[in-house]
Amino acid sequence: MGLQVAGRQASPGFRDSVERMAGSSPLACFQCGKCGAGCPLKENLDLTPSQIMHLVRLDQEEAVLGCKSIWLCASCETCTTRCPQDVDIARVMDACRGLAFHRGVKPGVPSVASFYKATYGNLKKFGRMFEAMLLASLKMRTGEYTKDMELGMDMLKKGKLSMLPSFARVFQTRAIFKKAMKIERERAKK
């Protein structure tokens, strides 16, 4: 898990974009390492949360948006809870993921990005999770058509997987998405 920045070009304004989207500043991070020490996924990360905070401070957009860690972050907020400087690290990670999406950066873990896109589309269309369509959408995005098929059949037999969507509160959910998009556009203008 080495931090290599030498030879990388800084992207002025990257830190400001992350701060604006996250509503939290990584400038307060003093690299104590508590965030990484408590991370339940630390064994799978290529960069620790404190390394990401440091790279954001240095405007190292390419290094941050291209790493696997922002995609593997479960947003469990263990890092945020442990931070003695009250940096909302989980929101910074979310902001980095969002910027990667908006800027068309190839995800460090494509299957996770596919899951996010499938989930977003599913919620936006049905108002709540429709698992059968989520699975179909995810399989189409990843090309893993038969993976977990046996598990899916077992869920279907036990009545744990509905073949019909519930459109409960679909209009309320769409209103939430519309409001969230408006807030994102306003933040992006600042």
Protein backbone atom coordinates (compact mmCIF):
# COMPACT_ATOMS: atom_id res chain seq x y z
CA MET A 1 0.00 0.00 0.00
CA GLY A 2 2.49 2.59 -1.13
CA LEU A 3 1.76 6.22 -1.78
CA GLN A 4 3.49 7.37 -4.96
CA VAL A 5 2.90 10.90 -6.17
CA ALA A 6 6.20 11.69 -7.88
CA GLY A 7 5.78 12.61 -11.51
CA ARG A 8 2.02 13.17 -11.27
CA GLN A 9 0.59 16.48 -12.33
CA ALA A 10 -1.60 18.30 -9.83
CA SER A 11 -5.14 19.21 -10.89
CA PRO A 12 -5.82 22.67 -9.46
CA GLY A 13 -9.33 22.92 -8.10
CA PHE A 14 -9.76 19.20 -7.45
CA ARG A 15 -9.63 19.64 -3.67
CA ASP A 16 -12.15 22.46 -3.88
CA SER A 17 -14.53 20.27 -5.90
CA VAL A 18 -14.22 17.43 -3.38
CA GLU A 19 -14.77 19.80 -0.43
CA ARG A 20 -17.80 21.36 -2.08
CA MET A 21 -19.41 17.99 -2.83
CA ALA A 22 -18.52 16.44 0.54
CA GLY A 23 -19.23 19.43 2.73
CA SER A 24 -16.09 18.48 4.64
CA SER A 25 -12.45 19.48 4.28
CA PRO A 26 -9.57 17.00 4.19
CA LEU A 27 -7.28 19.92 5.08
CA ALA A 28 -7.97 19.22 8.76
CA CYS A 29 -6.55 15.67 8.48
CA PHE A 30 -3.19 15.41 10.24
CA GLN A 31 -2.49 11.84 9.10
CA CYS A 32 -2.93 10.08 12.47
CA GLY A 33 -4.05 6.90 10.68
CA LYS A 34 -7.00 6.10 12.97
CA CYS A 35 -9.31 6.01 9.97
CA GLY A 36 -7.32 3.29 8.21
CA ALA A 37 -6.70 1.34 11.38
CA GLY A 38 -10.44 0.99 11.97
CA CYS A 39 -11.48 0.36 8.37
CA PRO A 40 -13.12 -3.07 8.02
CA LEU A 41 -12.01 -3.23 4.38
CA LYS A 42 -8.41 -2.07 4.88
CA GLU A 43 -6.98 -5.38 3.65
CA ASN A 44 -8.54 -4.77 0.23
CA LEU A 45 -7.67 -1.08 -0.22
CA ASP A 46 -4.84 0.12 -2.42
CA LEU A 47 -4.75 3.46 -0.55
CA THR A 48 -5.74 4.09 3.06
CA PRO A 49 -8.31 6.77 3.84
CA SER A 50 -5.57 9.06 5.24
CA GLN A 51 -3.56 8.63 2.03
CA ILE A 52 -6.61 9.62 0.02
CA MET A 53 -7.10 12.70 2.23
CA HIS A 54 -3.46 13.62 1.60
CA LEU A 55 -3.77 13.13 -2.17
CA VAL A 56 -6.95 15.25 -2.24
CA ARG A 57 -5.08 18.01 -0.39
CA LEU A 58 -2.35 17.82 -3.05
CA ASP A 59 -4.93 18.07 -5.89
CA GLN A 60 -3.91 14.62 -7.17
CA GLU A 61 -7.13 13.96 -9.05
CA GLU A 62 -5.77 11.18 -11.26
CA ALA A 63 -4.36 9.20 -8.31
CA VAL A 64 -7.54 9.54 -6.23
CA LEU A 65 -10.15 8.94 -8.91
CA GLY A 66 -8.16 6.05 -10.39
CA CYS A 67 -7.67 4.12 -7.14
CA LYS A 68 -9.69 1.11 -6.00
CA SER A 69 -10.28 2.40 -2.48
CA ILE A 70 -12.98 4.93 -3.34
CA TRP A 71 -14.98 2.14 -4.99
CA LEU A 72 -14.44 -0.41 -2.23
CA CYS A 73 -15.39 2.01 0.56
CA ALA A 74 -18.60 0.72 2.15
CA SER A 75 -19.47 4.15 3.58
CA CYS A 76 -19.81 2.50 6.99
CA GLU A 77 -18.47 5.72 8.56
CA THR A 78 -16.05 3.94 10.90
CA CYS A 79 -13.32 6.26 9.62
CA THR A 80 -15.47 9.34 10.17
CA THR A 81 -16.34 8.25 13.69
CA ARG A 82 -12.69 7.64 14.59
CA CYS A 83 -11.36 10.92 13.15
CA PRO A 84 -10.13 13.22 15.94
CA GLN A 85 -10.37 16.19 13.55
CA ASP A 86 -14.02 15.55 12.62
CA VAL A 87 -13.26 15.13 8.92
CA ASP A 88 -16.23 13.36 7.33
CA ILE A 89 -14.02 10.89 5.49
CA ALA A 90 -16.94 8.76 4.28
CA ARG A 91 -18.48 11.80 2.57
CA VAL A 92 -15.12 12.68 1.01
CA MET A 93 -14.94 9.14 -0.41
CA ASP A 94 -18.52 9.49 -1.71
CA ALA A 95 -17.61 12.81 -3.30
CA CYS A 96 -14.58 11.25 -5.01
CA ARG A 97 -16.76 8.44 -6.36
CA GLY A 98 -19.29 11.00 -7.59
CA LEU A 99 -16.59 13.04 -9.30
CA ALA A 100 -15.24 9.90 -10.97
CA PHE A 101 -18.74 9.17 -12.33
CA HIS A 102 -19.28 12.75 -13.54
CA ARG A 103 -15.85 13.00 -15.16
CA GLY A 104 -16.07 9.63 -16.89
CA VAL A 105 -13.05 8.14 -15.11
CA LYS A 106 -12.74 4.39 -15.56
CA PRO A 107 -13.61 2.89 -12.15
CA GLY A 108 -10.89 1.11 -10.19
CA VAL A 109 -13.40 -1.70 -9.51
CA PRO A 110 -15.79 -1.85 -12.49
CA SER A 111 -18.23 -4.30 -10.89
CA VAL A 112 -18.89 -1.89 -8.01
CA ALA A 113 -19.54 0.97 -10.40
CA SER A 114 -21.93 -1.27 -12.34
CA PHE A 115 -23.77 -2.07 -9.11
CA TYR A 116 -24.12 1.65 -8.28
CA LYS A 117 -25.49 2.44 -11.74
CA ALA A 118 -27.92 -0.50 -11.69
CA THR A 119 -29.14 0.41 -8.20
CA TYR A 120 -29.58 4.08 -9.10
CA GLY A 121 -31.57 3.23 -12.22
CA ASN A 122 -33.68 0.72 -10.32
CA LEU A 123 -34.62 3.14 -7.54
CA LYS A 124 -35.29 5.96 -9.96
CA LYS A 125 -37.59 3.83 -12.11
CA PHE A 126 -39.53 1.88 -9.47
CA GLY A 127 -39.33 4.10 -6.39
CA ARG A 128 -37.97 1.26 -4.30
CA MET A 129 -35.71 -1.73 -4.89
CA PHE A 130 -37.06 -4.27 -7.40
CA GLU A 131 -34.49 -7.01 -6.94
CA ALA A 132 -35.31 -9.06 -10.06
CA MET A 133 -34.78 -6.06 -12.34
CA LEU A 134 -31.70 -5.01 -10.36
CA LEU A 135 -30.16 -8.44 -10.91
CA ALA A 136 -31.06 -8.42 -14.61
CA SER A 137 -29.59 -4.95 -15.05
CA LEU A 138 -26.45 -5.88 -13.15
CA LYS A 139 -25.96 -9.07 -15.20
CA MET A 140 -26.31 -7.09 -18.42
CA ARG A 141 -23.76 -4.51 -17.24
CA THR A 142 -21.16 -7.02 -16.01
CA GLY A 143 -21.68 -9.79 -18.57
CA GLU A 144 -21.74 -12.36 -15.75
CA TYR A 145 -25.06 -13.89 -16.82
CA THR A 146 -24.87 -17.21 -14.98
CA LYS A 147 -22.97 -16.17 -11.85
CA ASP A 148 -25.10 -16.82 -8.73
CA MET A 149 -27.90 -18.31 -10.84
CA GLU A 150 -28.39 -21.18 -8.38
CA LEU A 151 -28.73 -18.74 -5.49
CA GLY A 152 -31.26 -16.70 -7.46
CA MET A 153 -33.36 -19.78 -8.18
CA ASP A 154 -33.33 -20.72 -4.49
CA MET A 155 -34.47 -17.21 -3.56
CA LEU A 156 -37.26 -17.39 -6.13
CA LYS A 157 -38.46 -20.79 -4.82
CA LYS A 158 -38.54 -19.49 -1.24
CA GLY A 159 -40.49 -16.39 -2.22
CA LYS A 160 -37.59 -14.04 -1.41
CA LEU A 161 -37.42 -12.65 -4.94
CA SER A 162 -40.52 -11.03 -6.41
CA MET A 163 -41.06 -11.05 -10.15
CA LEU A 164 -43.37 -8.02 -10.01
CA PRO A 165 -42.28 -4.54 -8.96
CA SER A 166 -43.96 -2.47 -6.28
CA PHE A 167 -44.50 1.09 -7.39
CA ALA A 168 -45.17 2.31 -3.85
CA ARG A 169 -44.19 5.95 -3.45
CA VAL A 170 -42.56 6.08 -6.88
CA PHE A 171 -43.53 9.74 -7.36
CA GLN A 172 -42.13 10.73 -3.96
CA THR A 173 -38.87 8.95 -4.76
CA ARG A 174 -38.63 10.64 -8.14
CA ALA A 175 -39.17 14.00 -6.42
CA ILE A 176 -36.27 13.20 -4.09
CA PHE A 177 -34.04 12.36 -7.07
CA LYS A 178 -35.08 15.58 -8.81
CA LYS A 179 -34.28 17.65 -5.70
CA ALA A 180 -30.93 15.88 -5.23
CA MET A 181 -29.97 16.57 -8.86
CA LYS A 182 -30.85 20.24 -8.40
CA ILE A 183 -28.65 20.44 -5.28
CA GLU A 184 -25.78 18.73 -7.13
CA ARG A 185 -26.05 21.17 -10.05
CA GLU A 186 -26.02 24.13 -7.63
CA ARG A 187 -22.96 22.76 -5.82
CA ALA A 188 -21.18 22.22 -9.12
CA LYS A 189 -21.70 25.88 -10.07
CA LYS A 190 -19.98 27.18 -6.91
